[in-house]
C-alpha atoms as a PDB file:
ATOM      1  CA  UNK A   1      -8.143   3.737  10.231  1.00  0.00           C
ATOM      2  CA  UNK A   2     -11.129   5.582   8.788  1.00  0.00           C
ATOM      3  CA  UNK A   3     -13.662   3.230  10.388  1.00  0.00           C
ATOM      4  CA  UNK A   4     -11.981   3.545  13.779  1.00  0.00           C
ATOM      5  CA  UNK A   5     -11.769   7.344  13.555  1.00  0.00           C
ATOM      6  CA  UNK A   6     -15.459   7.669  12.648  1.00  0.00           C
ATOM      7  CA  UNK A   7     -16.380   5.188  15.401  1.00  0.00           C
ATOM      8  CA  UNK A   8     -14.390   7.139  18.009  1.00  0.00           C
ATOM      9  CA  UNK A   9     -16.042  10.376  16.875  1.00  0.00           C
ATOM     10  CA  UNK A  10     -19.400   8.691  17.528  1.00  0.00           C
ATOM     11  CA  UNK A  11     -18.200   7.719  21.006  1.00  0.00           C
ATOM     12  CA  UNK A  12     -17.215  11.328  21.710  1.00  0.00           C
ATOM     13  CA  UNK A  13     -20.525  12.629  20.405  1.00  0.00           C
ATOM     14  CA  UNK A  14     -22.542  10.130  22.440  1.00  0.00           C
ATOM     15  CA  UNK A  15     -20.647  10.607  25.705  1.00  0.00           C
ATOM     16  CA  UNK A  16     -19.796  14.292  25.380  1.00  0.00           C
ATOM     17  CA  UNK A  17     -16.268  13.361  26.448  1.00  0.00           C
ATOM     18  CA  UNK A  18     -13.049  13.426  24.491  1.00  0.00           C
ATOM     19  CA  UNK A  19     -11.417  10.117  23.579  1.00  0.00           C
ATOM     20  CA  UNK A  20      -7.754  10.876  24.121  1.00  0.00           C
ATOM     21  CA  UNK A  21      -5.962   9.415  21.095  1.00  0.00           C
ATOM     22  CA  UNK A  22      -2.438  10.349  20.099  1.00  0.00           C
ATOM     23  CA  UNK A  23      -2.478   9.175  16.483  1.00  0.00           C
ATOM     24  CA  UNK A  24       1.028   8.203  15.401  1.00  0.00           C
ATOM     25  CA  UNK A  25       2.249   7.318  11.912  1.00  0.00           C
ATOM     26  CA  UNK A  26       2.585   3.689  10.916  1.00  0.00           C
ATOM     27  CA  UNK A  27       3.788   3.107   7.375  1.00  0.00           C
ATOM     28  CA  UNK A  28       1.814   0.380   5.653  1.00  0.00           C
ATOM     29  CA  UNK A  29       4.078   0.910   2.640  1.00  0.00           C
ATOM     30  CA  UNK A  30       6.977  -0.230   4.838  1.00  0.00           C
ATOM     31  CA  UNK A  31       5.063  -3.024   6.572  1.00  0.00           C
ATOM     32  CA  UNK A  32       4.062  -4.416   3.162  1.00  0.00           C
ATOM     33  CA  UNK A  33       7.359  -3.587   1.443  1.00  0.00           C
ATOM     34  CA  UNK A  34       7.847  -6.061  -1.395  1.00  0.00           C
ATOM     35  CA  UNK A  35      11.585  -5.316  -1.344  1.00  0.00           C
ATOM     36  CA  UNK A  36      11.871  -6.616   2.232  1.00  0.00           C
ATOM     37  CA  UNK A  37      12.104  -4.907   5.595  1.00  0.00           C
ATOM     38  CA  UNK A  38      15.791  -4.094   5.110  1.00  0.00           C
ATOM     39  CA  UNK A  39      14.696  -1.610   2.421  1.00  0.00           C
ATOM     40  CA  UNK A  40      13.552   1.375   4.443  1.00  0.00           C
ATOM     41  CA  UNK A  41      11.086   3.406   2.408  1.00  0.00           C
ATOM     42  CA  UNK A  42      12.026   6.604   4.258  1.00  0.00           C
ATOM     43  CA  UNK A  43      15.659   6.164   3.139  1.00  0.00           C
ATOM     44  CA  UNK A  44      14.894   5.961  -0.578  1.00  0.00           C
ATOM     45  CA  UNK A  45      16.398   8.886  -2.532  1.00  0.00           C
ATOM     46  CA  UNK A  46      13.102   9.654  -4.275  1.00  0.00           C
ATOM     47  CA  UNK A  47      11.323   9.910  -0.906  1.00  0.00           C
ATOM     48  CA  UNK A  48      14.068  12.107   0.548  1.00  0.00           C
ATOM     49  CA  UNK A  49      14.124  14.493  -2.423  1.00  0.00           C
ATOM     50  CA  UNK A  50      10.302  14.619  -2.607  1.00  0.00           C
ATOM     51  CA  UNK A  51       9.989  13.290  -6.157  1.00  0.00           C
ATOM     52  CA  UNK A  52       7.970  10.320  -4.816  1.00  0.00           C
ATOM     53  CA  UNK A  53       4.915  11.306  -2.778  1.00  0.00           C
ATOM     54  CA  UNK A  54       4.319   7.873  -1.223  1.00  0.00           C
ATOM     55  CA  UNK A  55       4.694   9.348   2.298  1.00  0.00           C
ATOM     56  CA  UNK A  56       3.083  12.721   1.577  1.00  0.00           C
ATOM     57  CA  UNK A  57      -0.020  12.131   3.721  1.00  0.00           C
ATOM     58  CA  UNK A  58       2.129  10.984   6.652  1.00  0.00           C
ATOM     59  CA  UNK A  59       4.367  14.013   6.326  1.00  0.00           C
ATOM     60  CA  UNK A  60       1.308  16.251   6.100  1.00  0.00           C
ATOM     61  CA  UNK A  61      -0.148  14.669   9.237  1.00  0.00           C
ATOM     62  CA  UNK A  62       3.005  15.387  11.213  1.00  0.00           C
ATOM     63  CA  UNK A  63       3.109  18.906   9.770  1.00  0.00           C
ATOM     64  CA  UNK A  64      -0.518  19.431  10.844  1.00  0.00           C
ATOM     65  CA  UNK A  65       0.396  18.341  14.398  1.00  0.00           C
ATOM     66  CA  UNK A  66       2.702  21.348  14.542  1.00  0.00           C
ATOM     67  CA  UNK A  67      -0.401  23.537  14.371  1.00  0.00           C
ATOM     68  CA  UNK A  68      -1.871  21.970  17.512  1.00  0.00           C
ATOM     69  CA  UNK A  69      -4.121  19.102  18.539  1.00  0.00           C
ATOM     70  CA  UNK A  70      -7.334  20.640  17.200  1.00  0.00           C
ATOM     71  CA  UNK A  71      -5.735  21.445  13.853  1.00  0.00           C
ATOM     72  CA  UNK A  72      -4.393  17.910  13.571  1.00  0.00           C
ATOM     73  CA  UNK A  73      -7.726  16.314  14.521  1.00  0.00           C
ATOM     74  CA  UNK A  74      -9.560  18.389  11.909  1.00  0.00           C
ATOM     75  CA  UNK A  75      -6.944  17.706   9.252  1.00  0.00           C
ATOM     76  CA  UNK A  76      -6.792  13.985  10.038  1.00  0.00           C
ATOM     77  CA  UNK A  77     -10.536  13.415   9.658  1.00  0.00           C
ATOM     78  CA  UNK A  78     -10.645  15.640   6.534  1.00  0.00           C
ATOM     79  CA  UNK A  79      -7.844  13.578   5.003  1.00  0.00           C
ATOM     80  CA  UNK A  80      -9.548  10.285   5.886  1.00  0.00           C
ATOM     81  CA  UNK A  81     -12.833  11.471   4.404  1.00  0.00           C
ATOM     82  CA  UNK A  82     -11.182  12.527   1.160  1.00  0.00           C
ATOM     83  CA  UNK A  83      -9.529   9.115   0.872  1.00  0.00           C
ATOM     84  CA  UNK A  84     -12.360   6.835   2.018  1.00  0.00           C
ATOM     85  CA  UNK A  85     -15.497   8.753   1.075  1.00  0.00           C
ATOM     86  CA  UNK A  86     -14.335  10.633  -2.018  1.00  0.00           C
ATOM     87  CA  UNK A  87     -11.736   8.010  -3.110  1.00  0.00           C
ATOM     88  CA  UNK A  88      -9.046  10.635  -3.638  1.00  0.00           C
ATOM     89  CA  UNK A  89      -5.340   9.903  -3.943  1.00  0.00           C
ATOM     90  CA  UNK A  90      -3.364  10.995  -0.876  1.00  0.00           C
ATOM     91  CA  UNK A  91      -0.161  11.179  -2.897  1.00  0.00           C
ATOM     92  CA  UNK A  92      -1.647  14.133  -4.794  1.00  0.00           C
ATOM     93  CA  UNK A  93      -0.551  17.481  -3.289  1.00  0.00           C
ATOM     94  CA  UNK A  94      -3.888  19.015  -4.390  1.00  0.00           C
ATOM     95  CA  UNK A  95      -5.719  16.531  -2.126  1.00  0.00           C
ATOM     96  CA  UNK A  96      -3.510  17.516   0.814  1.00  0.00           C
ATOM     97  CA  UNK A  97      -4.349  21.158   0.089  1.00  0.00           C
ATOM     98  CA  UNK A  98      -8.060  20.304  -0.067  1.00  0.00           C
ATOM     99  CA  UNK A  99      -7.847  18.532   3.295  1.00  0.00           C
ATOM    100  CA  UNK A 100      -6.084  21.522   4.849  1.00  0.00           C
ATOM    101  CA  UNK A 101      -8.725  23.903   3.515  1.00  0.00           C
ATOM    102  CA  UNK A 102     -11.559  21.596   4.633  1.00  0.00           C
ATOM    103  CA  UNK A 103      -9.987  21.457   8.091  1.00  0.00           C
ATOM    104  CA  UNK A 104      -9.482  25.210   8.249  1.00  0.00           C
ATOM    105  CA  UNK A 105      -5.779  24.989   9.033  1.00  0.00           C
ATOM    106  CA  UNK A 106      -2.949  27.191   7.763  1.00  0.00           C
ATOM    107  CA  UNK A 107      -2.096  25.626   4.402  1.00  0.00           C
ATOM    108  CA  UNK A 108       0.906  27.869   3.708  1.00  0.00           C
ATOM    109  CA  UNK A 109       2.477  26.769   6.985  1.00  0.00           C
ATOM    110  CA  UNK A 110       1.541  23.128   6.340  1.00  0.00           C
ATOM    111  CA  UNK A 111       3.093  23.222   2.858  1.00  0.00           C
ATOM    112  CA  UNK A 112       6.299  24.664   4.290  1.00  0.00           C
ATOM    113  CA  UNK A 113       6.441  22.210   7.215  1.00  0.00           C
ATOM    114  CA  UNK A 114       5.904  19.203   4.915  1.00  0.00           C
ATOM    115  CA  UNK A 115       9.322  19.882   3.371  1.00  0.00           C
ATOM    116  CA  UNK A 116      11.116  19.670   6.731  1.00  0.00           C
ATOM    117  CA  UNK A 117      13.526  16.707   6.408  1.00  0.00           C
ATOM    118  CA  UNK A 118      13.166  15.903  10.122  1.00  0.00           C
ATOM    119  CA  UNK A 119       9.674  14.597   9.359  1.00  0.00           C
ATOM    120  CA  UNK A 120      11.179  11.545   7.651  1.00  0.00           C
ATOM    121  CA  UNK A 121      13.228  10.877  10.780  1.00  0.00           C
ATOM    122  CA  UNK A 122      10.051  11.205  12.871  1.00  0.00           C
ATOM    123  CA  UNK A 123       8.188   8.822  10.544  1.00  0.00           C
ATOM    124  CA  UNK A 124      11.010   6.290  10.729  1.00  0.00           C
ATOM    125  CA  UNK A 125      11.119   6.483  14.535  1.00  0.00           C
ATOM    126  CA  UNK A 126       7.343   6.183  14.888  1.00  0.00           C
ATOM    127  CA  UNK A 127       7.164   3.183  12.570  1.00  0.00           C
ATOM    128  CA  UNK A 128      10.177   1.442  14.111  1.00  0.00           C
ATOM    129  CA  UNK A 129       8.888   1.965  17.648  1.00  0.00           C
ATOM    130  CA  UNK A 130       5.468   0.628  16.677  1.00  0.00           C
ATOM    131  CA  UNK A 131       6.991  -2.520  15.176  1.00  0.00           C
ATOM    132  CA  UNK A 132       9.722  -3.185  17.735  1.00  0.00           C
ATOM    133  CA  UNK A 133       8.057  -2.114  20.982  1.00  0.00           C
ATOM    134  CA  UNK A 134       4.350  -2.610  20.303  1.00  0.00           C
ATOM    135  CA  UNK A 135       4.421  -5.406  17.726  1.00  0.00           C
ATOM    136  CA  UNK A 136       2.292  -3.409  15.289  1.00  0.00           C
ATOM    137  CA  UNK A 137       1.682  -4.881  11.859  1.00  0.00           C
ATOM    138  CA  UNK A 138      -1.315  -2.873  10.685  1.00  0.00           C
ATOM    139  CA  UNK A 139      -3.619   0.040  11.386  1.00  0.00           C
ATOM    140  CA  UNK A 140      -5.168   0.929  13.619  1.00  0.00           C
ATOM    141  CA  UNK A 141      -3.151  -0.560  16.439  1.00  0.00           C
ATOM    142  CA  UNK A 142      -4.168   0.924  19.765  1.00  0.00           C
ATOM    143  CA  UNK A 143      -1.748   1.186  22.668  1.00  0.00           C
ATOM    144  CA  UNK A 144      -3.626   1.417  25.954  1.00  0.00           C
ATOM    145  CA  UNK A 145      -2.467   3.223  29.112  1.00  0.00           C
ATOM    146  CA  UNK A 146      -1.649  -0.205  30.574  1.00  0.00           C
ATOM    147  CA  UNK A 147       0.913  -0.667  27.794  1.00  0.00           C
ATOM    148  CA  UNK A 148      -1.036  -3.471  26.159  1.00  0.00           C
ATOM    149  CA  UNK A 149      -1.853  -3.090  22.482  1.00  0.00           C
ATOM    150  CA  UNK A 150      -4.439  -4.360  20.022  1.00  0.00           C
ATOM    151  CA  UNK A 151      -4.960  -4.219  16.283  1.00  0.00           C
ATOM    152  CA  UNK A 152      -8.582  -3.550  15.428  1.00  0.00           C
ATOM    153  CA  UNK A 153     -10.379  -4.477  12.227  1.00  0.00           C
ATOM    154  CA  UNK A 154     -13.922  -3.203  12.233  1.00  0.00           C
ATOM    155  CA  UNK A 155     -16.741  -1.557  10.385  1.00  0.00           C
ATOM    156  CA  UNK A 156     -18.414   1.617  11.597  1.00  0.00           C
ATOM    157  CA  UNK A 157     -20.952   0.528  14.210  1.00  0.00           C
ATOM    158  CA  UNK A 158     -24.446   1.935  14.553  1.00  0.00           C
ATOM    159  CA  UNK A 159     -24.679   4.952  16.861  1.00  0.00           C
ATOM    160  CA  UNK A 160     -26.442   2.987  19.601  1.00  0.00           C
ATOM    161  CA  UNK A 161     -23.566   0.467  19.835  1.00  0.00           C
ATOM    162  CA  UNK A 162     -20.556   2.784  19.509  1.00  0.00           C
ATOM    163  CA  UNK A 163     -20.023   3.479  23.223  1.00  0.00           C
ATOM    164  CA  UNK A 164     -20.669  -0.082  24.377  1.00  0.00           C
ATOM    165  CA  UNK A 165     -18.183  -1.456  21.829  1.00  0.00           C
ATOM    166  CA  UNK A 166     -15.627   1.124  22.933  1.00  0.00           C
ATOM    167  CA  UNK A 167     -16.033   0.347  26.628  1.00  0.00           C
ATOM    168  CA  UNK A 168     -15.966  -3.413  26.064  1.00  0.00           C
ATOM    169  CA  UNK A 169     -12.952  -3.316  23.784  1.00  0.00           C
ATOM    170  CA  UNK A 170     -11.050  -0.932  26.030  1.00  0.00           C
ATOM    171  CA  UNK A 171     -11.605  -3.136  29.076  1.00  0.00           C
ATOM    172  CA  UNK A 172     -10.854  -6.406  27.279  1.00  0.00           C
ATOM    173  CA  UNK A 173      -7.696  -5.298  25.527  1.00  0.00           C
ATOM    174  CA  UNK A 174      -6.261  -3.046  28.221  1.00  0.00           C
ATOM    175  CA  UNK A 175      -6.943  -5.208  31.283  1.00  0.00           C
ATOM    176  CA  UNK A 176      -7.077  -8.860  30.281  1.00  0.00           C
ATOM    177  CA  UNK A 177      -3.529  -9.936  29.461  1.00  0.00           C
ATOM    178  CA  UNK A 178      -4.629 -13.491  28.683  1.00  0.00           C
ATOM    179  CA  UNK A 179      -6.657 -12.366  25.657  1.00  0.00           C
ATOM    180  CA  UNK A 180      -4.222 -12.443  22.774  1.00  0.00           C
ATOM    181  CA  UNK A 181      -6.437 -12.317  19.732  1.00  0.00           C
ATOM    182  CA  UNK A 182     -10.113 -12.105  18.876  1.00  0.00           C
ATOM    183  CA  UNK A 183     -10.925 -12.855  15.264  1.00  0.00           C
ATOM    184  CA  UNK A 184     -14.092 -13.716  13.435  1.00  0.00           C
ATOM    185  CA  UNK A 185     -13.753 -16.338  10.701  1.00  0.00           C
ATOM    186  CA  UNK A 186     -13.983 -14.907   7.201  1.00  0.00           C
ATOM    187  CA  UNK A 187     -16.329 -15.765   5.666  1.00  0.00           C
ATOM    188  CA  UNK A 188     -19.014 -15.528   7.047  1.00  0.00           C
ATOM    189  CA  UNK A 189     -17.968 -12.200   8.590  1.00  0.00           C
ATOM    190  CA  UNK A 190     -18.925  -9.482   7.571  1.00  0.00           C
ATOM    191  CA  UNK A 191     -22.093 -11.048   6.134  1.00  0.00           C
ATOM    192  CA  UNK A 192     -25.055  -9.050   7.410  1.00  0.00           C
ATOM    193  CA  UNK A 193     -22.829  -6.306   8.843  1.00  0.00           C
ATOM    194  CA  UNK A 194     -22.406  -4.183   5.724  1.00  0.00           C
END
């Protein structure tokens, strides 16, 4: 998710145009649930009562969306940076507060909105829709205007390739229905990339 978000920011910077992404929650904790898919993480008592913060970052993301698109975008990238650059734990409420402050959004409102029980319903619906209607199994999975979708595993590309990769990927995955999967053998990938 982090690599894709940074890559798309590079595309926006290079083109001067906004990449219209409606980031939606997908729960890797549910997708990789060792208790089976019948065990819905959002239905666990400790998640509902807030004593387990496994979904805290997801709840915070939805709460940030209530403050508008710009607030969410700022919060989302701040949260990703804290996790992937600073290696901070997103189940720690202090990290959520730090992300809110870094993003310049209303933390008091965010903290209050995080406790709204309807967020768990929204998370459940988003995850279920992604699995059942899109076939999502990981992040990021992009759903294109054509309705086609693609999971993308990537590293952050150099600035001079960001736009070309975006345009090529968008065209391939949104227009060519006969392309089902592109995957580089591992190893050797990512040898020489990172």
